[in-house]
N, C-alpha and C. Protein backbone atom coordinates (compact mmCIF):
# COMPACT_ATOMS: atom_id res chain seq x y z
N MET A 1 64.01 -27.14 7.20
CA MET A 1 63.01 -26.98 6.16
C MET A 1 62.19 -28.25 6.00
N LYS A 2 62.88 -29.38 6.09
CA LYS A 2 62.20 -30.65 5.93
C LYS A 2 61.23 -30.90 7.10
N ALA A 3 61.58 -30.43 8.31
CA ALA A 3 60.72 -30.60 9.48
C ALA A 3 59.43 -29.82 9.32
N SER A 4 59.48 -28.64 8.76
CA SER A 4 58.27 -27.84 8.57
C SER A 4 57.36 -28.46 7.51
N VAL A 5 57.98 -29.05 6.48
CA VAL A 5 57.19 -29.73 5.44
C VAL A 5 56.49 -30.94 6.04
N GLU A 6 57.20 -31.69 6.89
CA GLU A 6 56.60 -32.86 7.51
C GLU A 6 55.48 -32.47 8.48
N SER A 7 55.69 -31.40 9.26
CA SER A 7 54.66 -30.97 10.20
C SER A 7 53.43 -30.44 9.44
N GLU A 8 53.68 -29.78 8.31
CA GLU A 8 52.56 -29.32 7.49
C GLU A 8 51.80 -30.50 6.91
N GLN A 9 52.53 -31.52 6.46
CA GLN A 9 51.91 -32.72 5.91
C GLN A 9 51.06 -33.42 6.98
N ARG A 10 51.58 -33.52 8.20
CA ARG A 10 50.82 -34.15 9.30
C ARG A 10 49.58 -33.32 9.63
N ALA A 11 49.70 -32.01 9.60
CA ALA A 11 48.54 -31.14 9.86
C ALA A 11 47.47 -31.33 8.80
N ILE A 12 47.89 -31.46 7.55
CA ILE A 12 46.94 -31.70 6.46
C ILE A 12 46.26 -33.05 6.63
N GLU A 13 47.03 -34.07 7.01
CA GLU A 13 46.45 -35.40 7.23
C GLU A 13 45.45 -35.38 8.38
N ARG A 14 45.78 -34.66 9.46
CA ARG A 14 44.84 -34.56 10.59
C ARG A 14 43.57 -33.83 10.17
N LEU A 15 43.73 -32.78 9.36
CA LEU A 15 42.57 -32.04 8.88
C LEU A 15 41.68 -32.93 8.01
N ILE A 16 42.29 -33.70 7.13
CA ILE A 16 41.53 -34.62 6.27
C ILE A 16 40.82 -35.67 7.12
N ALA A 17 41.50 -36.19 8.13
CA ALA A 17 40.88 -37.19 9.02
C ALA A 17 39.70 -36.58 9.77
N GLU A 18 39.83 -35.35 10.20
CA GLU A 18 38.74 -34.67 10.92
C GLU A 18 37.54 -34.46 10.00
N ILE A 19 37.79 -34.05 8.77
CA ILE A 19 36.72 -33.85 7.80
C ILE A 19 36.03 -35.19 7.50
N ASP A 20 36.80 -36.26 7.36
CA ASP A 20 36.21 -37.58 7.12
C ASP A 20 35.35 -38.04 8.29
N SER A 21 35.80 -37.76 9.51
CA SER A 21 35.01 -38.17 10.68
C SER A 21 33.70 -37.39 10.75
N ILE A 22 33.72 -36.11 10.35
CA ILE A 22 32.48 -35.32 10.32
C ILE A 22 31.54 -35.89 9.27
N ASP A 23 32.07 -36.25 8.10
CA ASP A 23 31.24 -36.84 7.05
C ASP A 23 30.64 -38.17 7.50
N GLU A 24 31.42 -38.98 8.21
CA GLU A 24 30.91 -40.25 8.73
C GLU A 24 29.76 -40.01 9.68
N TRP A 25 29.89 -39.02 10.56
CA TRP A 25 28.85 -38.72 11.52
C TRP A 25 27.58 -38.27 10.81
N ARG A 26 27.71 -37.46 9.78
CA ARG A 26 26.54 -36.99 9.02
C ARG A 26 25.86 -38.13 8.29
N ASP A 27 26.63 -39.08 7.78
CA ASP A 27 26.05 -40.19 7.04
C ASP A 27 25.23 -41.11 7.94
N ARG A 28 25.49 -41.12 9.23
CA ARG A 28 24.82 -42.04 10.13
C ARG A 28 23.62 -41.42 10.84
N ILE A 29 23.22 -40.22 10.50
CA ILE A 29 22.10 -39.58 11.17
C ILE A 29 20.81 -40.35 10.92
N GLY A 30 20.58 -40.81 9.71
CA GLY A 30 19.38 -41.59 9.40
C GLY A 30 19.32 -42.85 10.24
N ARG A 31 20.45 -43.51 10.39
CA ARG A 31 20.50 -44.72 11.22
C ARG A 31 20.19 -44.39 12.67
N ARG A 32 20.72 -43.30 13.16
CA ARG A 32 20.47 -42.91 14.55
C ARG A 32 19.00 -42.59 14.78
N VAL A 33 18.38 -41.94 13.81
CA VAL A 33 16.95 -41.64 13.93
C VAL A 33 16.14 -42.93 13.97
N MET A 34 16.49 -43.88 13.12
CA MET A 34 15.77 -45.17 13.11
C MET A 34 15.97 -45.91 14.42
N TRP A 35 17.18 -45.90 14.99
CA TRP A 35 17.43 -46.56 16.27
C TRP A 35 16.65 -45.87 17.38
N LEU A 36 16.59 -44.55 17.33
CA LEU A 36 15.83 -43.80 18.33
C LEU A 36 14.35 -44.15 18.24
N PHE A 37 13.81 -44.22 17.02
CA PHE A 37 12.41 -44.60 16.84
C PHE A 37 12.17 -46.02 17.34
N ALA A 38 13.04 -46.95 17.00
CA ALA A 38 12.87 -48.34 17.43
C ALA A 38 12.94 -48.44 18.96
N GLY A 39 13.86 -47.72 19.57
CA GLY A 39 13.97 -47.74 21.03
C GLY A 39 12.72 -47.16 21.69
N THR A 40 12.24 -46.05 21.17
CA THR A 40 11.03 -45.43 21.72
C THR A 40 9.83 -46.35 21.57
N PHE A 41 9.71 -46.99 20.41
CA PHE A 41 8.61 -47.92 20.15
C PHE A 41 8.68 -49.11 21.09
N THR A 42 9.89 -49.63 21.33
CA THR A 42 10.06 -50.76 22.24
C THR A 42 9.68 -50.38 23.67
N VAL A 43 10.09 -49.20 24.10
CA VAL A 43 9.74 -48.74 25.44
C VAL A 43 8.22 -48.58 25.57
N ALA A 44 7.59 -48.04 24.54
CA ALA A 44 6.13 -47.85 24.58
C ALA A 44 5.42 -49.20 24.65
N LEU A 45 5.87 -50.17 23.88
CA LEU A 45 5.25 -51.50 23.93
C LEU A 45 5.48 -52.16 25.28
N SER A 46 6.65 -51.99 25.84
CA SER A 46 6.93 -52.55 27.17
C SER A 46 6.04 -51.93 28.23
N LEU A 47 5.87 -50.62 28.16
CA LEU A 47 5.00 -49.94 29.11
C LEU A 47 3.55 -50.41 28.95
N LEU A 48 3.10 -50.57 27.73
CA LEU A 48 1.75 -51.07 27.48
C LEU A 48 1.58 -52.47 28.04
N ALA A 49 2.55 -53.34 27.83
CA ALA A 49 2.47 -54.71 28.36
C ALA A 49 2.49 -54.70 29.88
N TRP A 50 3.31 -53.84 30.48
CA TRP A 50 3.36 -53.77 31.93
C TRP A 50 2.02 -53.33 32.51
N VAL A 51 1.43 -52.32 31.91
CA VAL A 51 0.14 -51.84 32.39
C VAL A 51 -0.92 -52.92 32.22
N ALA A 52 -0.91 -53.63 31.10
CA ALA A 52 -1.91 -54.67 30.86
C ALA A 52 -1.75 -55.83 31.84
N MET A 53 -0.53 -56.14 32.23
CA MET A 53 -0.31 -57.29 33.10
C MET A 53 -0.47 -56.96 34.58
N PHE A 54 -0.05 -55.81 35.01
CA PHE A 54 0.02 -55.53 36.44
C PHE A 54 -0.99 -54.51 36.95
N GLU A 55 -1.72 -53.89 36.08
CA GLU A 55 -2.72 -52.92 36.52
C GLU A 55 -3.92 -53.67 37.09
N ASN A 56 -4.57 -53.09 38.08
CA ASN A 56 -5.75 -53.73 38.65
C ASN A 56 -6.83 -53.91 37.59
N PRO A 57 -7.61 -55.00 37.69
CA PRO A 57 -8.67 -55.20 36.70
C PRO A 57 -9.70 -54.08 36.80
N PRO A 58 -10.37 -53.77 35.73
CA PRO A 58 -11.36 -52.68 35.78
C PRO A 58 -12.51 -53.04 36.71
N ALA A 59 -13.09 -52.05 37.33
CA ALA A 59 -14.21 -52.27 38.25
C ALA A 59 -15.44 -52.71 37.47
N ARG A 60 -16.20 -53.60 38.07
CA ARG A 60 -17.45 -54.05 37.44
C ARG A 60 -18.54 -53.01 37.69
N ILE A 61 -19.36 -52.79 36.67
CA ILE A 61 -20.46 -51.85 36.81
C ILE A 61 -21.66 -52.62 37.34
N GLU A 62 -22.17 -52.19 38.46
CA GLU A 62 -23.32 -52.84 39.07
C GLU A 62 -24.52 -51.92 39.02
N LYS A 63 -25.71 -52.54 38.94
CA LYS A 63 -26.93 -51.75 38.91
C LYS A 63 -27.17 -51.16 40.31
N PRO A 64 -27.54 -49.90 40.36
CA PRO A 64 -27.82 -49.30 41.67
C PRO A 64 -29.16 -49.80 42.23
N ASP A 65 -29.27 -49.76 43.52
CA ASP A 65 -30.54 -50.14 44.15
C ASP A 65 -31.58 -49.05 43.90
N GLY A 66 -32.84 -49.42 43.91
CA GLY A 66 -33.90 -48.44 43.76
C GLY A 66 -34.70 -48.66 42.49
N PRO A 67 -35.63 -47.77 42.22
CA PRO A 67 -36.51 -47.95 41.06
C PRO A 67 -35.73 -47.76 39.76
N GLN A 68 -36.15 -48.46 38.72
CA GLN A 68 -35.52 -48.39 37.41
C GLN A 68 -36.48 -47.71 36.43
N VAL A 69 -35.97 -46.91 35.55
CA VAL A 69 -36.75 -46.25 34.52
C VAL A 69 -36.54 -47.01 33.23
N PRO A 70 -37.62 -47.32 32.48
CA PRO A 70 -37.43 -48.05 31.24
C PRO A 70 -36.62 -47.22 30.23
N ALA A 71 -35.85 -47.91 29.44
CA ALA A 71 -35.01 -47.25 28.44
C ALA A 71 -35.85 -46.74 27.28
N VAL A 72 -35.41 -45.66 26.67
CA VAL A 72 -36.08 -45.10 25.50
C VAL A 72 -35.36 -45.62 24.28
N LEU A 73 -36.09 -46.37 23.45
CA LEU A 73 -35.46 -46.99 22.29
C LEU A 73 -35.74 -46.27 20.98
N HIS A 74 -36.57 -45.24 21.01
CA HIS A 74 -36.87 -44.48 19.81
C HIS A 74 -36.91 -43.00 20.14
N GLN A 75 -36.82 -42.16 19.09
CA GLN A 75 -36.86 -40.72 19.30
C GLN A 75 -38.29 -40.27 19.49
N ALA A 76 -38.42 -39.18 20.19
CA ALA A 76 -39.75 -38.60 20.35
C ALA A 76 -40.25 -38.13 18.99
N PRO A 77 -41.56 -38.27 18.71
CA PRO A 77 -42.08 -37.92 17.37
C PRO A 77 -41.82 -36.48 16.98
N GLU A 78 -41.82 -35.53 17.92
CA GLU A 78 -41.61 -34.13 17.52
C GLU A 78 -40.18 -33.85 17.10
N ARG A 79 -39.25 -34.76 17.34
CA ARG A 79 -37.85 -34.53 16.97
C ARG A 79 -37.44 -35.27 15.70
N ILE A 80 -38.31 -36.04 15.11
CA ILE A 80 -37.99 -36.76 13.89
C ILE A 80 -37.93 -35.77 12.74
N PRO A 81 -36.80 -35.70 12.01
CA PRO A 81 -36.72 -34.75 10.88
C PRO A 81 -37.64 -35.20 9.74
N ARG A 82 -38.24 -34.23 9.07
CA ARG A 82 -39.17 -34.53 7.97
C ARG A 82 -38.62 -34.08 6.66
């Protein structure tokens, strides 16, 4: 009889420990989300730095050969709202 009481007591203790471990896991979800955000942000910054440092410089825009048309700096009179 005493053995069954002890085994029942151990089962209850294991159940309580399991419930406590579930509660611990639930309490840390906010922390895990923050770590996930921080890790993602760090990876994004690292990728941005890598691209800025190792990517080829942008191509220079050169004027094409041939005749040039003067730029229009004002709107045509028929399109001016009245």
